[in-house]
Amino acid sequence: MKKGYKILLFFAFLLLALIFSYSELIIYGLRQGKGQWHIVYYAKPVEDFLSDTTVDQSTKDKLKLVQDVRKFCVADLGLSDTENYTEMFDQQGEPVLWVVTACEPFNFIPYQWKFPVVGTVPYKGYFEERLAFEEAERLKELGLDTNIRTVGGWSTLGWFKDPILSEMLLRSDGDLANLIVHELVHATIFVKDSVEFNENLASYIGDKGAELYLKSSGNENGLTEYIRSKEDQQKFVNHILRGFQKLDSLYTKNAKASIEVKKSLKTELIDSIMSSLDTLTLNDLNYLNKLNGYQPNNAYFMSFKRYRAKQPQLDSLYTVQFDSNLINFIQYFKNQYAAE
């Protein structure tokens, strides 16, 4: 009995030690679970909104589009058939998730967080704005460049039934279709510790899948608007990625320079990158309005590398090896990296 008591006491101390060691992660997990639970619990079936006479027709049309895109993703693209986006959470016009990213100030080395299941990731989400800014301040005190953004959608990788967020419905038909395809790719294909691959692949398939959907549904106006918007986006992304390369070269070339010199050179180059945006020939002259007066940092430029830098390689694979057949392209990656 005495021996058994000692063994029990040993494991009790071990458990307490583990809780103490991982207390921050446990608290974060509980907060995230609470935030996600709130959204899932208060989400209502799409059918409730469609049958509600007080819901305006434009909202109903967008909800029908989401359901149509879901069916297209499963039947025509071979993405996983889940219950995602069969319910909607009313945000009441407010953001629900803030994401923090950080990066070395004179090197493109992202700050990484470690989590169970998903592994190492270069971002951290919060359902409370205050906590996101507190984390960003902590990272700034470490000398890092930080960035905070709200997000319009995310995948819980099957842990929850991902709902439509009401603010999604403010998007254009093409942009909304793109978002749904993108997130359903995450629910279908996932590689642990490979955020850049996961996001680039989902972005690429989202772009192509949305275009195919609009064509198959006969939405000519939506397709025209989508193609023009994607042309503008691609020009902007290419410009920022060129800026990323220039900054990367600058940091390498001046690795031994003083901090003051590095800061000066960095600020001068970023100013040049942003001021030369007006040289882009865009379809929508208002496309860049949201960037007026904005001074990005390394964390901002890293986000474009994370989501878009691998697009040329994926496009080559798609067009050459798979003869622009998106179903076969998706099946290829499903065979290798099917999400569990």
Protein backbone atom coordinates (compact mmCIF):
# COMPACT_ATOMS: atom_id res chain seq x y z
CA MET A 1 0.00 0.00 0.00
CA LYS A 2 2.84 2.32 0.93
CA LYS A 3 4.59 1.55 -2.36
CA GLY A 4 1.40 2.22 -4.32
CA TYR A 5 0.95 5.53 -2.49
CA LYS A 6 4.46 6.61 -3.42
CA ILE A 7 3.87 5.76 -7.07
CA LEU A 8 0.59 7.70 -7.04
CA LEU A 9 2.32 10.65 -5.35
CA PHE A 10 5.10 10.56 -7.95
CA PHE A 11 2.65 10.77 -10.84
CA ALA A 12 0.71 13.52 -9.06
CA PHE A 13 3.89 15.59 -8.78
CA LEU A 14 4.71 14.80 -12.39
CA LEU A 15 1.27 15.97 -13.50
CA LEU A 16 1.61 19.19 -11.51
CA ALA A 17 5.06 19.78 -13.03
CA LEU A 18 3.67 19.33 -16.53
CA ILE A 19 0.77 21.68 -15.81
CA PHE A 20 3.20 24.27 -14.42
CA SER A 21 5.58 23.89 -17.37
CA TYR A 22 2.82 24.19 -19.96
CA SER A 23 0.52 26.53 -18.04
CA GLU A 24 0.74 29.28 -20.67
CA LEU A 25 -0.13 26.85 -23.47
CA ILE A 26 -2.99 25.36 -21.43
CA ILE A 27 -4.44 28.81 -20.70
CA TYR A 28 -4.15 29.76 -24.35
CA GLY A 29 -5.83 26.52 -25.40
CA LEU A 30 -8.70 27.08 -22.98
CA ARG A 31 -9.22 30.61 -24.28
CA GLN A 32 -9.14 29.44 -27.88
CA GLY A 33 -11.52 26.62 -27.08
CA LYS A 34 -13.91 29.08 -25.43
CA GLY A 35 -13.78 31.45 -28.42
CA GLN A 36 -14.28 28.69 -30.94
CA TRP A 37 -17.06 27.13 -28.87
CA HIS A 38 -18.89 30.46 -28.74
CA ILE A 39 -18.87 30.71 -32.54
CA VAL A 40 -19.87 27.09 -33.10
CA TYR A 41 -22.56 27.16 -30.40
CA TYR A 42 -24.26 30.31 -31.69
CA ALA A 43 -23.99 29.40 -35.36
CA LYS A 44 -27.34 28.51 -36.93
CA PRO A 45 -28.10 26.21 -39.88
CA VAL A 46 -28.11 27.93 -43.27
CA GLU A 47 -31.66 26.64 -43.78
CA ASP A 48 -32.83 28.80 -40.85
CA PHE A 49 -31.61 31.94 -42.58
CA LEU A 50 -33.00 30.90 -45.95
CA SER A 51 -36.46 30.33 -44.46
CA ASP A 52 -36.41 33.53 -42.36
CA THR A 53 -38.58 36.21 -43.98
CA THR A 54 -36.65 38.96 -42.19
CA VAL A 55 -33.36 38.05 -43.91
CA ASP A 56 -32.74 40.11 -47.04
CA GLN A 57 -32.53 38.42 -50.44
CA SER A 58 -28.91 39.41 -51.10
CA THR A 59 -27.86 37.54 -47.95
CA LYS A 60 -29.87 34.51 -49.01
CA ASP A 61 -28.29 34.62 -52.47
CA LYS A 62 -24.80 34.59 -50.95
CA LEU A 63 -25.70 31.71 -48.65
CA LYS A 64 -27.01 29.74 -51.63
CA LEU A 65 -23.78 30.48 -53.45
CA VAL A 66 -21.75 29.09 -50.54
CA GLN A 67 -23.79 25.89 -50.57
CA ASP A 68 -23.37 25.64 -54.33
CA VAL A 69 -19.60 26.13 -54.03
CA ARG A 70 -19.44 23.41 -51.35
CA LYS A 71 -21.20 20.94 -53.65
CA PHE A 72 -18.91 21.91 -56.52
CA CYS A 73 -15.81 21.37 -54.37
CA VAL A 74 -16.88 17.85 -53.44
CA ALA A 75 -18.47 16.68 -56.71
CA ASP A 76 -16.23 18.44 -59.24
CA LEU A 77 -12.91 19.00 -57.45
CA GLY A 78 -12.74 15.97 -55.16
CA LEU A 79 -12.29 17.92 -51.94
CA SER A 80 -13.40 16.26 -48.71
CA ASP A 81 -17.12 16.13 -48.01
CA THR A 82 -17.53 17.74 -44.59
CA GLU A 83 -20.27 19.66 -42.80
CA ASN A 84 -18.21 22.85 -42.95
CA TYR A 85 -20.11 25.99 -44.01
CA THR A 86 -23.56 24.47 -43.48
CA GLU A 87 -24.14 26.91 -40.61
CA MET A 88 -23.58 30.63 -40.16
CA PHE A 89 -22.40 32.75 -37.23
CA ASP A 90 -23.65 36.34 -37.13
CA GLN A 91 -20.63 38.55 -36.36
CA GLN A 92 -22.88 41.60 -35.99
CA GLY A 93 -20.35 43.59 -37.97
CA GLU A 94 -17.43 42.86 -35.63
CA PRO A 95 -14.17 40.92 -36.22
CA VAL A 96 -13.95 37.64 -34.33
CA LEU A 97 -10.32 36.58 -34.75
CA TRP A 98 -7.03 38.48 -34.71
CA VAL A 99 -3.80 36.87 -35.93
CA VAL A 100 -0.33 37.92 -34.78
CA THR A 101 2.81 37.32 -36.85
CA ALA A 102 6.38 38.39 -36.17
CA CYS A 103 9.74 38.40 -37.93
CA GLU A 104 13.37 39.33 -37.35
CA PRO A 105 13.85 43.04 -38.17
CA PHE A 106 16.85 42.61 -40.51
CA ASN A 107 16.34 39.08 -41.69
CA PHE A 108 13.38 37.14 -43.02
CA ILE A 109 13.27 34.63 -40.19
CA PRO A 110 9.72 34.34 -38.81
CA TYR A 111 8.96 33.88 -35.15
CA GLN A 112 7.48 30.41 -34.57
CA TRP A 113 4.95 29.08 -32.08
CA LYS A 114 4.62 25.37 -31.26
CA PHE A 115 1.27 23.67 -30.80
CA PRO A 116 0.04 20.09 -30.48
CA VAL A 117 -1.30 18.45 -33.67
CA VAL A 118 -0.58 21.34 -36.07
CA GLY A 119 3.09 21.56 -35.08
CA THR A 120 5.19 24.69 -35.54
CA VAL A 121 3.39 27.68 -37.05
CA PRO A 122 4.43 31.29 -37.79
CA TYR A 123 1.24 32.89 -36.48
CA LYS A 124 -0.94 32.90 -33.39
CA GLY A 125 -4.67 33.61 -33.33
CA TYR A 126 -6.74 35.26 -30.61
CA PHE A 127 -10.49 35.63 -30.18
CA GLU A 128 -9.84 38.72 -28.01
CA GLU A 129 -8.29 41.81 -29.61
CA ARG A 130 -6.65 42.85 -26.34
CA LEU A 131 -4.71 39.60 -26.07
CA ALA A 132 -3.50 39.89 -29.66
CA PHE A 133 -2.07 43.35 -29.01
CA GLU A 134 -0.50 42.19 -25.75
CA GLU A 135 1.27 39.39 -27.62
CA ALA A 136 2.42 41.80 -30.31
CA GLU A 137 3.82 44.15 -27.65
CA ARG A 138 5.68 41.26 -26.03
CA LEU A 139 7.27 40.40 -29.37
CA LYS A 140 8.15 44.03 -30.07
CA GLU A 141 10.01 44.12 -26.76
CA LEU A 142 12.09 41.23 -28.12
CA GLY A 143 13.07 43.49 -31.03
CA LEU A 144 10.85 41.80 -33.61
CA ASP A 145 8.73 43.29 -36.40
CA THR A 146 5.09 42.43 -35.76
CA ASN A 147 1.82 42.47 -37.66
CA ILE A 148 -1.80 42.02 -36.55
CA ARG A 149 -4.62 41.31 -38.95
CA THR A 150 -8.19 40.17 -38.70
CA VAL A 151 -9.18 37.13 -40.72
CA GLY A 152 -12.36 36.36 -42.62
CA GLY A 153 -12.16 32.59 -42.38
CA TRP A 154 -10.07 29.72 -41.09
CA SER A 155 -10.04 25.95 -40.94
CA THR A 156 -10.10 24.01 -37.67
CA LEU A 157 -8.90 20.90 -39.57
CA GLY A 158 -11.95 18.89 -38.60
CA TRP A 159 -11.93 19.67 -34.88
CA PHE A 160 -15.09 21.75 -35.28
CA LYS A 161 -17.76 22.24 -37.91
CA ASP A 162 -16.46 25.46 -39.48
CA PRO A 163 -19.33 27.94 -39.91
CA ILE A 164 -19.82 30.70 -42.45
CA LEU A 165 -18.98 34.04 -40.84
CA SER A 166 -21.55 36.68 -41.73
CA GLU A 167 -18.86 39.14 -42.91
CA MET A 168 -17.85 36.63 -45.60
CA LEU A 169 -21.10 37.44 -47.38
CA LEU A 170 -19.91 41.00 -48.06
CA ARG A 171 -17.38 39.64 -50.54
CA SER A 172 -17.91 39.46 -54.29
CA ASP A 173 -19.12 36.13 -55.71
CA GLY A 174 -15.65 35.22 -56.94
CA ASP A 175 -13.85 36.23 -53.76
CA LEU A 176 -16.37 34.33 -51.63
CA ALA A 177 -16.03 31.22 -53.79
CA ASN A 178 -12.24 31.52 -53.54
CA LEU A 179 -12.38 31.68 -49.75
CA ILE A 180 -14.60 28.60 -49.46
CA VAL A 181 -12.41 26.57 -51.83
CA HIS A 182 -9.27 27.73 -49.99
CA GLU A 183 -10.55 26.64 -46.58
CA LEU A 184 -11.93 23.32 -47.86
CA VAL A 185 -8.49 22.57 -49.30
CA HIS A 186 -7.11 22.91 -45.74
CA ALA A 187 -9.71 20.40 -44.57
CA THR A 188 -8.61 18.01 -47.33
CA ILE A 189 -4.82 18.42 -47.57
CA PHE A 190 -2.58 19.24 -44.62
CA VAL A 191 1.14 18.89 -43.95
CA LYS A 192 2.27 19.33 -40.36
CA ASP A 193 4.99 21.98 -39.81
CA SER A 194 4.62 23.21 -43.41
CA VAL A 195 2.51 26.35 -43.20
CA GLU A 196 4.05 27.93 -46.29
CA PHE A 197 3.28 24.88 -48.41
CA ASN A 198 -0.25 24.53 -47.01
CA GLU A 199 -1.12 28.19 -47.56
CA ASN A 200 0.44 28.41 -51.02
CA LEU A 201 -1.36 25.27 -52.16
CA ALA A 202 -4.72 26.39 -50.74
CA SER A 203 -4.27 29.83 -52.31
CA TYR A 204 -3.44 28.35 -55.70
CA ILE A 205 -6.33 25.88 -55.70
CA GLY A 206 -8.63 28.59 -54.36
CA ASP A 207 -7.75 30.84 -57.31
CA LYS A 208 -8.25 28.14 -59.91
CA GLY A 209 -11.22 26.49 -58.23
CA ALA A 210 -13.20 29.73 -57.92
CA GLU A 211 -12.67 30.50 -61.60
CA LEU A 212 -13.84 27.02 -62.60
CA TYR A 213 -16.88 27.34 -60.36
CA LEU A 214 -17.92 30.67 -61.85
CA LYS A 215 -17.54 29.27 -65.35
CA SER A 216 -19.53 26.11 -64.57
CA SER A 217 -22.33 28.09 -62.88
CA GLY A 218 -22.69 30.46 -65.83
CA ASN A 219 -22.00 33.50 -63.64
CA GLU A 220 -20.50 35.62 -66.42
CA ASN A 221 -20.62 38.93 -64.54
CA GLY A 222 -19.05 37.36 -61.48
CA LEU A 223 -16.39 35.70 -63.64
CA THR A 224 -15.48 38.95 -65.40
CA GLU A 225 -15.25 40.81 -62.09
CA TYR A 226 -13.22 38.00 -60.54
CA ILE A 227 -10.69 37.82 -63.39
CA ARG A 228 -10.17 41.60 -63.33
CA SER A 229 -9.74 41.52 -59.55
CA LYS A 230 -7.26 38.64 -59.74
CA GLU A 231 -5.23 40.52 -62.36
CA ASP A 232 -4.93 43.46 -59.97
CA GLN A 233 -4.09 41.19 -57.07
CA GLN A 234 -1.39 39.40 -59.05
CA LYS A 235 0.27 42.67 -60.06
CA PHE A 236 0.24 43.82 -56.45
CA VAL A 237 1.53 40.48 -55.11
CA ASN A 238 4.34 40.41 -57.69
CA HIS A 239 5.33 43.94 -56.69
CA ILE A 240 5.46 43.06 -52.98
CA LEU A 241 7.38 39.85 -53.65
CA ARG A 242 9.92 41.81 -55.71
CA GLY A 243 10.18 44.11 -52.73
CA PHE A 244 10.72 41.10 -50.50
CA GLN A 245 13.65 39.99 -52.66
CA LYS A 246 15.17 43.49 -52.63
CA LEU A 247 14.92 43.67 -48.87
CA ASP A 248 16.38 40.19 -48.48
CA SER A 249 19.36 41.20 -50.62
CA LEU A 250 19.74 44.41 -48.65
CA TYR A 251 19.88 42.55 -45.35
CA THR A 252 22.43 40.06 -46.68
CA LYS A 253 24.63 42.78 -48.18
CA ASN A 254 24.60 44.85 -44.99
CA ALA A 255 24.69 42.06 -42.43
CA LYS A 256 27.70 43.58 -40.64
CA ALA A 257 26.46 47.18 -40.69
CA SER A 258 25.37 48.98 -37.53
CA ILE A 259 21.76 48.84 -36.36
CA GLU A 260 21.33 52.53 -37.20
CA VAL A 261 22.55 52.01 -40.78
CA LYS A 262 20.34 48.94 -41.22
CA LYS A 263 17.29 50.84 -39.98
CA SER A 264 17.96 53.73 -42.32
CA LEU A 265 18.49 51.52 -45.38
CA LYS A 266 15.45 49.41 -44.55
CA THR A 267 13.15 52.42 -44.14
CA GLU A 268 14.42 53.99 -47.35
CA LEU A 269 13.86 50.83 -49.38
CA ILE A 270 10.39 50.13 -47.95
CA ASP A 271 9.41 53.73 -48.68
CA SER A 272 10.55 53.21 -52.26
CA ILE A 273 8.63 49.93 -52.61
CA MET A 274 5.40 51.46 -51.35
CA SER A 275 5.68 54.77 -53.19
CA SER A 276 6.23 52.94 -56.49
CA LEU A 277 2.88 51.14 -56.17
CA ASP A 278 1.37 53.94 -58.25
CA THR A 279 3.31 52.64 -61.24
CA LEU A 280 1.07 49.55 -61.37
CA THR A 281 -1.57 49.57 -64.09
CA LEU A 282 -4.68 48.31 -62.34
CA ASN A 283 -8.27 47.69 -63.43
CA ASP A 284 -9.62 49.09 -60.16
CA LEU A 285 -8.03 52.44 -59.32
CA ASN A 286 -9.28 52.11 -55.71
CA TYR A 287 -7.52 48.78 -55.15
CA LEU A 288 -4.62 50.36 -53.22
CA ASN A 289 -6.59 52.91 -51.20
CA LYS A 290 -6.40 50.83 -48.03
CA LEU A 291 -2.60 51.14 -48.10
CA ASN A 292 -2.50 54.93 -48.11
CA GLY A 293 -0.06 56.01 -45.40
CA TYR A 294 0.66 52.41 -44.35
CA GLN A 295 4.29 51.60 -43.51
CA PRO A 296 4.80 47.81 -43.64
CA ASN A 297 7.59 45.86 -41.97
CA ASN A 298 9.22 42.45 -42.37
CA ALA A 299 6.23 40.62 -40.88
CA TYR A 300 4.02 42.10 -43.59
CA PHE A 301 6.36 41.10 -46.41
CA MET A 302 6.75 37.60 -44.92
CA SER A 303 2.99 37.06 -45.17
CA PHE A 304 3.17 37.36 -48.95
CA LYS A 305 5.97 34.84 -49.12
CA ARG A 306 3.91 32.54 -46.88
CA TYR A 307 0.85 32.63 -49.12
CA ARG A 308 2.15 33.41 -52.61
CA ALA A 309 5.87 32.77 -53.16
CA LYS A 310 5.41 29.19 -54.40
CA GLN A 311 2.71 30.01 -56.95
CA PRO A 312 5.04 29.84 -60.02
CA GLN A 313 6.21 26.32 -59.09
CA LEU A 314 2.65 25.16 -58.46
CA ASP A 315 1.50 26.70 -61.73
CA SER A 316 4.24 24.89 -63.63
CA LEU A 317 3.23 21.60 -62.02
CA TYR A 318 -0.44 22.28 -62.76
CA THR A 319 0.01 23.23 -66.42
CA VAL A 320 2.83 20.88 -67.43
CA GLN A 321 2.48 17.70 -65.37
CA PHE A 322 -1.31 17.78 -65.01
CA ASP A 323 -2.24 19.57 -68.25
CA SER A 324 -4.29 22.13 -66.29
CA ASN A 325 -6.57 19.43 -64.85
CA LEU A 326 -7.43 20.65 -61.36
CA ILE A 327 -9.07 17.39 -60.26
CA ASN A 328 -5.93 15.37 -60.99
CA PHE A 329 -3.78 18.11 -59.46
CA ILE A 330 -5.76 17.95 -56.21
CA GLN A 331 -5.84 14.15 -56.19
CA TYR A 332 -2.05 14.08 -56.50
CA PHE A 333 -1.65 16.07 -53.28
CA LYS A 334 -4.48 14.20 -51.54
CA ASN A 335 -2.65 10.94 -52.15
CA GLN A 336 0.44 12.34 -50.43
CA TYR A 337 -0.95 14.61 -47.74
CA ALA A 338 -4.57 13.77 -46.99
CA ALA A 339 -5.78 15.59 -43.88
CA GLU A 340 -6.72 13.16 -41.14
